[in-house]
Amino acid sequence: METCAEITAPLDRVEWYEVPGDQFATPGGPRWGWWEPPHSIFIATTHLSDEQLVEHEMLHDLLQTGAHPVVFETCGVQESETVTAGRGLLRVDAQRNDRRAPVQVQHR
């Protein structure tokens, strides 16, 4: 992702959170993943292996924006459709992942 975006940053600055279930409530509605400044990424448990979703959230962190500039499309991680289940969680019960645990993400 860094190569495509032409931005580098240390991966260990990111605080990774696993949220139980398939989706969770966010200020933008129900989602599978969410980036929150400055360096927090939340991923729903059932989508932890979704490489495109994880890279999408990583790109938000690299760019330090919640917007979706053209680089998301250029890098092949454009915004997925919003989860439209018609319901969201009242709160997020996120579990912080141990920073010492390896994060397995393929880089493009």
C-alpha atoms as a PDB file:
ATOM      1  CA  MET A   1       0.000   0.000   0.000  1.00  0.00           C
ATOM      2  CA  GLU A   2       2.857   2.362   0.792  1.00  0.00           C
ATOM      3  CA  THR A   3       4.375   1.825  -2.652  1.00  0.00           C
ATOM      4  CA  CYS A   4       1.118   2.512  -4.449  1.00  0.00           C
ATOM      5  CA  ALA A   5       0.267   5.569  -2.335  1.00  0.00           C
ATOM      6  CA  GLU A   6       3.883   6.791  -2.416  1.00  0.00           C
ATOM      7  CA  ILE A   7       3.740   7.429   1.337  1.00  0.00           C
ATOM      8  CA  THR A   8       5.657   5.589   4.029  1.00  0.00           C
ATOM      9  CA  ALA A   9       4.917   5.296   7.726  1.00  0.00           C
ATOM     10  CA  PRO A  10       5.739   2.766  10.447  1.00  0.00           C
ATOM     11  CA  LEU A  11       3.084   0.033  10.631  1.00  0.00           C
ATOM     12  CA  ASP A  12       3.582  -0.317  14.379  1.00  0.00           C
ATOM     13  CA  ARG A  13       2.027   3.118  14.933  1.00  0.00           C
ATOM     14  CA  VAL A  14      -1.391   1.611  14.164  1.00  0.00           C
ATOM     15  CA  GLU A  15      -3.564   0.413  17.035  1.00  0.00           C
ATOM     16  CA  TRP A  16      -5.529  -2.574  15.692  1.00  0.00           C
ATOM     17  CA  TYR A  17      -8.921  -3.493  17.153  1.00  0.00           C
ATOM     18  CA  GLU A  18     -10.997  -6.585  16.472  1.00  0.00           C
ATOM     19  CA  VAL A  19     -14.738  -5.976  16.824  1.00  0.00           C
ATOM     20  CA  PRO A  20     -16.893  -9.082  17.447  1.00  0.00           C
ATOM     21  CA  GLY A  21     -19.352 -10.022  14.729  1.00  0.00           C
ATOM     22  CA  ASP A  22     -19.904  -9.226  11.071  1.00  0.00           C
ATOM     23  CA  GLN A  23     -20.380  -5.448  11.364  1.00  0.00           C
ATOM     24  CA  PHE A  24     -20.469  -2.659  13.893  1.00  0.00           C
ATOM     25  CA  ALA A  25     -21.943   0.809  14.309  1.00  0.00           C
ATOM     26  CA  THR A  26     -19.831   3.816  13.359  1.00  0.00           C
ATOM     27  CA  PRO A  27     -20.589   7.530  12.975  1.00  0.00           C
ATOM     28  CA  GLY A  28     -20.942   6.757   9.241  1.00  0.00           C
ATOM     29  CA  GLY A  29     -23.355   3.860   9.755  1.00  0.00           C
ATOM     30  CA  PRO A  30     -22.766   0.098  10.017  1.00  0.00           C
ATOM     31  CA  ARG A  31     -19.346  -0.974   8.701  1.00  0.00           C
ATOM     32  CA  TRP A  32     -16.994  -3.935   8.459  1.00  0.00           C
ATOM     33  CA  GLY A  33     -13.954  -1.717   9.040  1.00  0.00           C
ATOM     34  CA  TRP A  34     -13.235   1.780  10.342  1.00  0.00           C
ATOM     35  CA  TRP A  35     -10.242   4.069  10.688  1.00  0.00           C
ATOM     36  CA  GLU A  36     -10.187   6.618  13.485  1.00  0.00           C
ATOM     37  CA  PRO A  37      -7.525   9.321  13.839  1.00  0.00           C
ATOM     38  CA  PRO A  38      -4.811   9.376  14.596  1.00  0.00           C
ATOM     39  CA  HIS A  39      -3.931   5.670  14.195  1.00  0.00           C
ATOM     40  CA  SER A  40      -6.750   3.293  15.209  1.00  0.00           C
ATOM     41  CA  ILE A  41      -8.175   0.668  12.867  1.00  0.00           C
ATOM     42  CA  PHE A  42     -11.241  -1.407  13.758  1.00  0.00           C
ATOM     43  CA  ILE A  43     -12.102  -4.573  11.790  1.00  0.00           C
ATOM     44  CA  ALA A  44     -15.124  -6.828  12.346  1.00  0.00           C
ATOM     45  CA  THR A  45     -14.050 -10.357  13.295  1.00  0.00           C
ATOM     46  CA  THR A  46     -15.584 -12.025  10.239  1.00  0.00           C
ATOM     47  CA  HIS A  47     -13.653  -9.671   7.939  1.00  0.00           C
ATOM     48  CA  LEU A  48     -10.172  -9.945   9.461  1.00  0.00           C
ATOM     49  CA  SER A  49      -8.890 -11.841   6.424  1.00  0.00           C
ATOM     50  CA  ASP A  50     -10.406  -9.387   3.912  1.00  0.00           C
ATOM     51  CA  GLU A  51      -7.187  -8.028   2.428  1.00  0.00           C
ATOM     52  CA  GLN A  52      -8.889  -5.251   0.466  1.00  0.00           C
ATOM     53  CA  LEU A  53     -10.753  -4.014   3.547  1.00  0.00           C
ATOM     54  CA  VAL A  54      -7.627  -4.051   5.733  1.00  0.00           C
ATOM     55  CA  GLU A  55      -5.599  -2.239   3.069  1.00  0.00           C
ATOM     56  CA  HIS A  56      -8.427   0.281   2.614  1.00  0.00           C
ATOM     57  CA  GLU A  57      -8.269   1.156   6.315  1.00  0.00           C
ATOM     58  CA  MET A  58      -4.454   1.211   6.222  1.00  0.00           C
ATOM     59  CA  LEU A  59      -4.612   3.743   3.396  1.00  0.00           C
ATOM     60  CA  HIS A  60      -6.838   5.990   5.522  1.00  0.00           C
ATOM     61  CA  ASP A  61      -4.108   5.861   8.157  1.00  0.00           C
ATOM     62  CA  LEU A  62      -1.319   6.600   5.677  1.00  0.00           C
ATOM     63  CA  LEU A  63      -3.230   9.571   4.260  1.00  0.00           C
ATOM     64  CA  GLN A  64      -4.579  10.664   7.656  1.00  0.00           C
ATOM     65  CA  THR A  65      -8.011  11.334   6.210  1.00  0.00           C
ATOM     66  CA  GLY A  66     -11.442   9.751   6.324  1.00  0.00           C
ATOM     67  CA  ALA A  67     -12.088  10.978   2.769  1.00  0.00           C
ATOM     68  CA  HIS A  68     -11.719   8.769  -0.301  1.00  0.00           C
ATOM     69  CA  PRO A  69      -9.462  10.567  -2.780  1.00  0.00           C
ATOM     70  CA  VAL A  70      -8.664   8.993  -6.158  1.00  0.00           C
ATOM     71  CA  VAL A  71      -5.661   7.103  -4.709  1.00  0.00           C
ATOM     72  CA  PHE A  72      -8.119   4.580  -3.215  1.00  0.00           C
ATOM     73  CA  GLU A  73      -9.219   3.649  -6.735  1.00  0.00           C
ATOM     74  CA  THR A  74      -5.655   3.833  -8.078  1.00  0.00           C
ATOM     75  CA  CYS A  75      -4.495   1.367  -5.409  1.00  0.00           C
ATOM     76  CA  GLY A  76      -7.486  -0.940  -5.921  1.00  0.00           C
ATOM     77  CA  VAL A  77      -9.050  -0.411  -2.493  1.00  0.00           C
ATOM     78  CA  GLN A  78     -11.936   1.881  -3.361  1.00  0.00           C
ATOM     79  CA  GLU A  79     -14.747   2.103  -0.875  1.00  0.00           C
ATOM     80  CA  SER A  80     -16.878  -1.002  -0.636  1.00  0.00           C
ATOM     81  CA  GLU A  81     -20.623  -0.680  -0.447  1.00  0.00           C
ATOM     82  CA  THR A  82     -21.948   0.360   2.929  1.00  0.00           C
ATOM     83  CA  VAL A  83     -23.314  -2.465   5.020  1.00  0.00           C
ATOM     84  CA  THR A  84     -27.053  -2.086   4.729  1.00  0.00           C
ATOM     85  CA  ALA A  85     -28.398  -4.501   7.270  1.00  0.00           C
ATOM     86  CA  GLY A  86     -30.687  -1.837   8.669  1.00  0.00           C
ATOM     87  CA  ARG A  87     -29.262  -2.238  12.142  1.00  0.00           C
ATOM     88  CA  GLY A  88     -26.124  -1.342  14.017  1.00  0.00           C
ATOM     89  CA  LEU A  89     -24.669  -2.127  17.376  1.00  0.00           C
ATOM     90  CA  LEU A  90     -25.443   0.284  20.167  1.00  0.00           C
ATOM     91  CA  ARG A  91     -21.793   0.261  21.185  1.00  0.00           C
ATOM     92  CA  VAL A  92     -18.559  -1.214  19.918  1.00  0.00           C
ATOM     93  CA  ASP A  93     -17.094  -3.983  22.060  1.00  0.00           C
ATOM     94  CA  ALA A  94     -13.659  -3.879  20.505  1.00  0.00           C
ATOM     95  CA  GLN A  95     -10.747  -5.941  21.709  1.00  0.00           C
ATOM     96  CA  ARG A  96      -7.347  -4.332  21.249  1.00  0.00           C
ATOM     97  CA  ASN A  97      -4.880  -6.644  19.566  1.00  0.00           C
ATOM     98  CA  ASP A  98      -1.500  -7.109  21.204  1.00  0.00           C
ATOM     99  CA  ARG A  99       1.069  -4.983  19.341  1.00  0.00           C
ATOM    100  CA  ARG A 100       3.576  -7.813  19.719  1.00  0.00           C
ATOM    101  CA  ALA A 101       1.330 -10.203  17.803  1.00  0.00           C
ATOM    102  CA  PRO A 102       2.209 -10.358  14.130  1.00  0.00           C
ATOM    103  CA  VAL A 103      -0.106  -8.558  11.764  1.00  0.00           C
ATOM    104  CA  GLN A 104      -0.242 -10.535   8.554  1.00  0.00           C
ATOM    105  CA  VAL A 105      -1.044  -8.249   5.659  1.00  0.00           C
ATOM    106  CA  GLN A 106       0.319  -8.682   2.174  1.00  0.00           C
ATOM    107  CA  HIS A 107       1.771  -5.480   0.794  1.00  0.00           C
ATOM    108  CA  ARG A 108       1.122  -4.591  -2.841  1.00  0.00           C
END
